[in-house]
Amino acid sequence: MFGEYVYSMNVVVDYFIKANIFVVIGTSLQVYPATGFINYAHHLVPKFVIDPGEMEQCEQLGFTHFKTTATEGMKMLIEAF
C-alpha cells in the first residue's frame, strides 16, 4: 500500500473510528496512507505500533510502540492482553 490510493476511504476511516483496539504493524508511518490512518484511532482505545524503527509521534498520539519485528511484536501484544 505504499503511496497507493485507498478505495472507499470513508469506509476505511469508519472502521478505524469504531475499532476497539488499533494496531499498526510494520510501517515507518512516513508514507501515505499509513501516516494518516493513525489520526483516526479513537483516543480511548488501546493503540499500538509494532515496528523496529524510531517513531517519536507514537507517544505524542498515545500509542505504545513495540520497537521490534512484527513476529516478536505480536507476541508482546498478545502478552499485554
N, C-alpha and C. Protein backbone atom coordinates (compact mmCIF):
# COMPACT_ATOMS: atom_id res chain seq x y z
N MET A 1 0.81 -1.19 0.00
CA MET A 1 0.00 0.00 0.00
C MET A 1 0.85 1.25 0.00
N PHE A 2 2.10 1.17 -0.29
CA PHE A 2 2.96 2.34 -0.23
C PHE A 2 2.54 3.38 -1.24
N GLY A 3 1.94 4.44 -0.75
CA GLY A 3 1.54 5.54 -1.60
C GLY A 3 0.36 5.25 -2.51
N GLU A 4 -0.27 4.09 -2.36
CA GLU A 4 -1.38 3.73 -3.22
C GLU A 4 -2.68 4.37 -2.76
N TYR A 5 -3.58 4.57 -3.70
CA TYR A 5 -4.89 5.12 -3.39
C TYR A 5 -5.70 4.10 -2.61
N VAL A 6 -6.42 4.53 -1.61
CA VAL A 6 -7.28 3.65 -0.82
C VAL A 6 -8.71 3.87 -1.28
N TYR A 7 -9.28 2.83 -1.89
CA TYR A 7 -10.66 2.91 -2.35
C TYR A 7 -11.62 2.89 -1.16
N SER A 8 -12.72 3.57 -1.27
CA SER A 8 -13.72 3.66 -0.20
C SER A 8 -13.10 4.15 1.11
N MET A 9 -12.34 5.20 1.02
CA MET A 9 -11.64 5.75 2.18
C MET A 9 -12.61 6.02 3.33
N ASN A 10 -13.81 6.47 3.04
CA ASN A 10 -14.78 6.75 4.11
C ASN A 10 -15.14 5.49 4.87
N VAL A 11 -15.19 4.34 4.21
CA VAL A 11 -15.48 3.07 4.87
C VAL A 11 -14.30 2.68 5.75
N VAL A 12 -13.09 2.83 5.24
CA VAL A 12 -11.88 2.50 5.99
C VAL A 12 -11.80 3.35 7.25
N VAL A 13 -12.00 4.63 7.12
CA VAL A 13 -11.94 5.54 8.26
C VAL A 13 -13.00 5.18 9.29
N ASP A 14 -14.18 4.79 8.84
CA ASP A 14 -15.24 4.40 9.76
C ASP A 14 -14.82 3.19 10.60
N TYR A 15 -14.15 2.24 9.98
CA TYR A 15 -13.63 1.08 10.74
C TYR A 15 -12.62 1.53 11.80
N PHE A 16 -11.73 2.44 11.42
CA PHE A 16 -10.73 2.92 12.37
C PHE A 16 -11.39 3.64 13.55
N ILE A 17 -12.38 4.44 13.28
CA ILE A 17 -13.05 5.20 14.32
C ILE A 17 -13.78 4.28 15.30
N LYS A 18 -14.33 3.18 14.80
CA LYS A 18 -15.13 2.27 15.62
C LYS A 18 -14.31 1.14 16.25
N ALA A 19 -13.05 1.06 15.96
CA ALA A 19 -12.22 -0.06 16.44
C ALA A 19 -12.11 -0.09 17.96
N ASN A 20 -12.04 -1.29 18.52
CA ASN A 20 -11.85 -1.47 19.96
C ASN A 20 -10.38 -1.51 20.33
N ILE A 21 -9.53 -1.73 19.36
CA ILE A 21 -8.09 -1.72 19.52
C ILE A 21 -7.52 -1.28 18.17
N PHE A 22 -6.40 -0.58 18.21
CA PHE A 22 -5.81 -0.06 16.99
C PHE A 22 -4.35 -0.51 16.95
N VAL A 23 -4.01 -1.34 15.96
CA VAL A 23 -2.65 -1.88 15.85
C VAL A 23 -2.11 -1.59 14.46
N VAL A 24 -0.93 -0.98 14.43
CA VAL A 24 -0.23 -0.70 13.17
C VAL A 24 1.03 -1.56 13.20
N ILE A 25 1.23 -2.35 12.13
CA ILE A 25 2.37 -3.26 12.10
C ILE A 25 3.21 -3.02 10.86
N GLY A 26 4.52 -2.83 11.09
CA GLY A 26 5.48 -2.82 10.01
C GLY A 26 5.46 -1.61 9.09
N THR A 27 5.32 -0.44 9.65
CA THR A 27 5.40 0.76 8.83
C THR A 27 6.15 1.84 9.58
N SER A 28 6.83 2.68 8.85
CA SER A 28 7.56 3.79 9.46
C SER A 28 6.65 4.96 9.77
N LEU A 29 5.41 4.89 9.34
CA LEU A 29 4.42 5.96 9.47
C LEU A 29 4.87 7.23 8.73
N GLN A 30 5.70 7.05 7.74
CA GLN A 30 6.18 8.18 6.96
C GLN A 30 5.53 8.27 5.58
N VAL A 31 4.83 7.22 5.18
CA VAL A 31 4.28 7.14 3.83
C VAL A 31 2.75 7.10 3.89
N TYR A 32 2.11 7.88 3.04
CA TYR A 32 0.66 7.84 2.93
C TYR A 32 0.28 6.50 2.32
N PRO A 33 -0.77 5.85 2.76
CA PRO A 33 -1.81 6.33 3.64
C PRO A 33 -1.59 6.02 5.12
N ALA A 34 -0.62 5.19 5.46
CA ALA A 34 -0.43 4.78 6.85
C ALA A 34 -0.22 5.96 7.78
N THR A 35 0.48 6.95 7.33
CA THR A 35 0.76 8.11 8.17
C THR A 35 -0.51 8.84 8.60
N GLY A 36 -1.54 8.80 7.80
CA GLY A 36 -2.79 9.47 8.14
C GLY A 36 -3.74 8.62 8.95
N PHE A 37 -3.66 7.31 8.81
CA PHE A 37 -4.59 6.42 9.50
C PHE A 37 -4.50 6.53 11.01
N ILE A 38 -3.31 6.75 11.54
CA ILE A 38 -3.15 6.79 12.99
C ILE A 38 -3.94 7.93 13.63
N ASN A 39 -4.28 8.93 12.86
CA ASN A 39 -5.04 10.06 13.39
C ASN A 39 -6.52 9.74 13.61
N TYR A 40 -6.97 8.61 13.07
CA TYR A 40 -8.39 8.25 13.20
C TYR A 40 -8.68 7.34 14.39
N ALA A 41 -7.67 6.86 15.07
CA ALA A 41 -7.89 5.99 16.22
C ALA A 41 -8.55 6.79 17.34
N HIS A 42 -9.61 6.25 17.90
CA HIS A 42 -10.31 6.91 19.00
C HIS A 42 -9.36 7.07 20.18
N HIS A 43 -9.44 8.17 20.86
CA HIS A 43 -8.49 8.46 21.93
C HIS A 43 -8.63 7.53 23.14
N LEU A 44 -9.73 6.82 23.27
CA LEU A 44 -9.94 5.95 24.42
C LEU A 44 -9.54 4.48 24.19
N VAL A 45 -9.29 4.07 22.95
CA VAL A 45 -8.94 2.68 22.69
C VAL A 45 -7.43 2.47 22.83
N PRO A 46 -7.01 1.25 23.20
CA PRO A 46 -5.58 0.96 23.24
C PRO A 46 -5.00 1.03 21.83
N LYS A 47 -3.85 1.68 21.71
CA LYS A 47 -3.24 1.89 20.40
C LYS A 47 -1.79 1.42 20.43
N PHE A 48 -1.40 0.65 19.41
CA PHE A 48 -0.06 0.07 19.36
C PHE A 48 0.55 0.22 17.98
N VAL A 49 1.86 0.38 17.95
CA VAL A 49 2.63 0.33 16.71
C VAL A 49 3.71 -0.71 16.93
N ILE A 50 3.85 -1.63 15.97
CA ILE A 50 4.90 -2.64 16.02
C ILE A 50 5.81 -2.40 14.83
N ASP A 51 7.00 -1.92 15.11
CA ASP A 51 7.98 -1.63 14.06
C ASP A 51 9.33 -1.37 14.73
N PRO A 52 10.42 -1.87 14.15
CA PRO A 52 11.73 -1.69 14.78
C PRO A 52 12.30 -0.28 14.69
N GLY A 53 11.69 0.59 13.92
CA GLY A 53 12.22 1.94 13.74
C GLY A 53 11.84 2.91 14.84
N GLU A 54 12.48 4.06 14.83
CA GLU A 54 12.16 5.15 15.77
C GLU A 54 10.90 5.86 15.31
N MET A 55 9.99 6.13 16.23
CA MET A 55 8.74 6.81 15.89
C MET A 55 8.31 7.71 17.03
N GLU A 56 8.83 8.91 17.04
CA GLU A 56 8.54 9.85 18.12
C GLU A 56 7.07 10.23 18.18
N GLN A 57 6.39 10.27 17.04
CA GLN A 57 4.99 10.70 17.02
C GLN A 57 4.06 9.72 17.71
N CYS A 58 4.50 8.47 17.89
CA CYS A 58 3.65 7.46 18.55
C CYS A 58 3.27 7.88 19.96
N GLU A 59 4.25 8.24 20.74
CA GLU A 59 3.99 8.61 22.13
C GLU A 59 3.09 9.85 22.21
N GLN A 60 3.33 10.80 21.33
CA GLN A 60 2.53 12.03 21.32
C GLN A 60 1.06 11.73 21.02
N LEU A 61 0.80 10.68 20.25
CA LEU A 61 -0.57 10.32 19.87
C LEU A 61 -1.16 9.24 20.77
N GLY A 62 -0.44 8.85 21.83
CA GLY A 62 -0.96 7.89 22.77
C GLY A 62 -0.76 6.44 22.38
N PHE A 63 0.15 6.16 21.46
CA PHE A 63 0.42 4.80 21.03
C PHE A 63 1.54 4.19 21.87
N THR A 64 1.42 2.90 22.14
CA THR A 64 2.52 2.14 22.70
C THR A 64 3.32 1.60 21.53
N HIS A 65 4.62 1.81 21.55
CA HIS A 65 5.48 1.39 20.44
C HIS A 65 6.31 0.18 20.86
N PHE A 66 6.06 -0.96 20.23
CA PHE A 66 6.91 -2.13 20.40
C PHE A 66 7.98 -2.04 19.33
N LYS A 67 9.16 -1.68 19.74
CA LYS A 67 10.26 -1.44 18.80
C LYS A 67 10.96 -2.76 18.49
N THR A 68 10.31 -3.56 17.64
CA THR A 68 10.79 -4.89 17.31
C THR A 68 10.16 -5.35 16.00
N THR A 69 10.44 -6.58 15.62
CA THR A 69 9.88 -7.15 14.40
C THR A 69 8.39 -7.44 14.58
N ALA A 70 7.70 -7.67 13.49
CA ALA A 70 6.27 -7.97 13.54
C ALA A 70 6.00 -9.24 14.34
N THR A 71 6.81 -10.27 14.13
CA THR A 71 6.61 -11.54 14.83
C THR A 71 6.77 -11.37 16.34
N GLU A 72 7.85 -10.75 16.76
CA GLU A 72 8.09 -10.55 18.18
C GLU A 72 7.10 -9.55 18.77
N GLY A 73 6.77 -8.53 18.01
CA GLY A 73 5.80 -7.53 18.48
C GLY A 73 4.43 -8.10 18.72
N MET A 74 4.00 -9.02 17.86
CA MET A 74 2.70 -9.65 18.06
C MET A 74 2.70 -10.50 19.32
N LYS A 75 3.81 -11.17 19.61
CA LYS A 75 3.91 -11.94 20.85
C LYS A 75 3.77 -10.99 22.04
N MET A 76 4.43 -9.84 21.96
CA MET A 76 4.37 -8.85 23.05
C MET A 76 2.95 -8.31 23.20
N LEU A 77 2.29 -8.07 22.08
CA LEU A 77 0.93 -7.55 22.11
C LEU A 77 -0.02 -8.56 22.77
N ILE A 78 0.10 -9.81 22.40
CA ILE A 78 -0.74 -10.85 22.99
C ILE A 78 -0.49 -10.96 24.48
N GLU A 79 0.77 -10.87 24.90
CA GLU A 79 1.10 -10.91 26.33
C GLU A 79 0.53 -9.72 27.07
N ALA A 80 0.43 -8.57 26.39
CA ALA A 80 -0.09 -7.37 27.03
C ALA A 80 -1.57 -7.50 27.37
N PHE A 81 -2.25 -8.41 26.68
CA PHE A 81 -3.67 -8.63 26.94
C PHE A 81 -3.88 -9.89 27.72
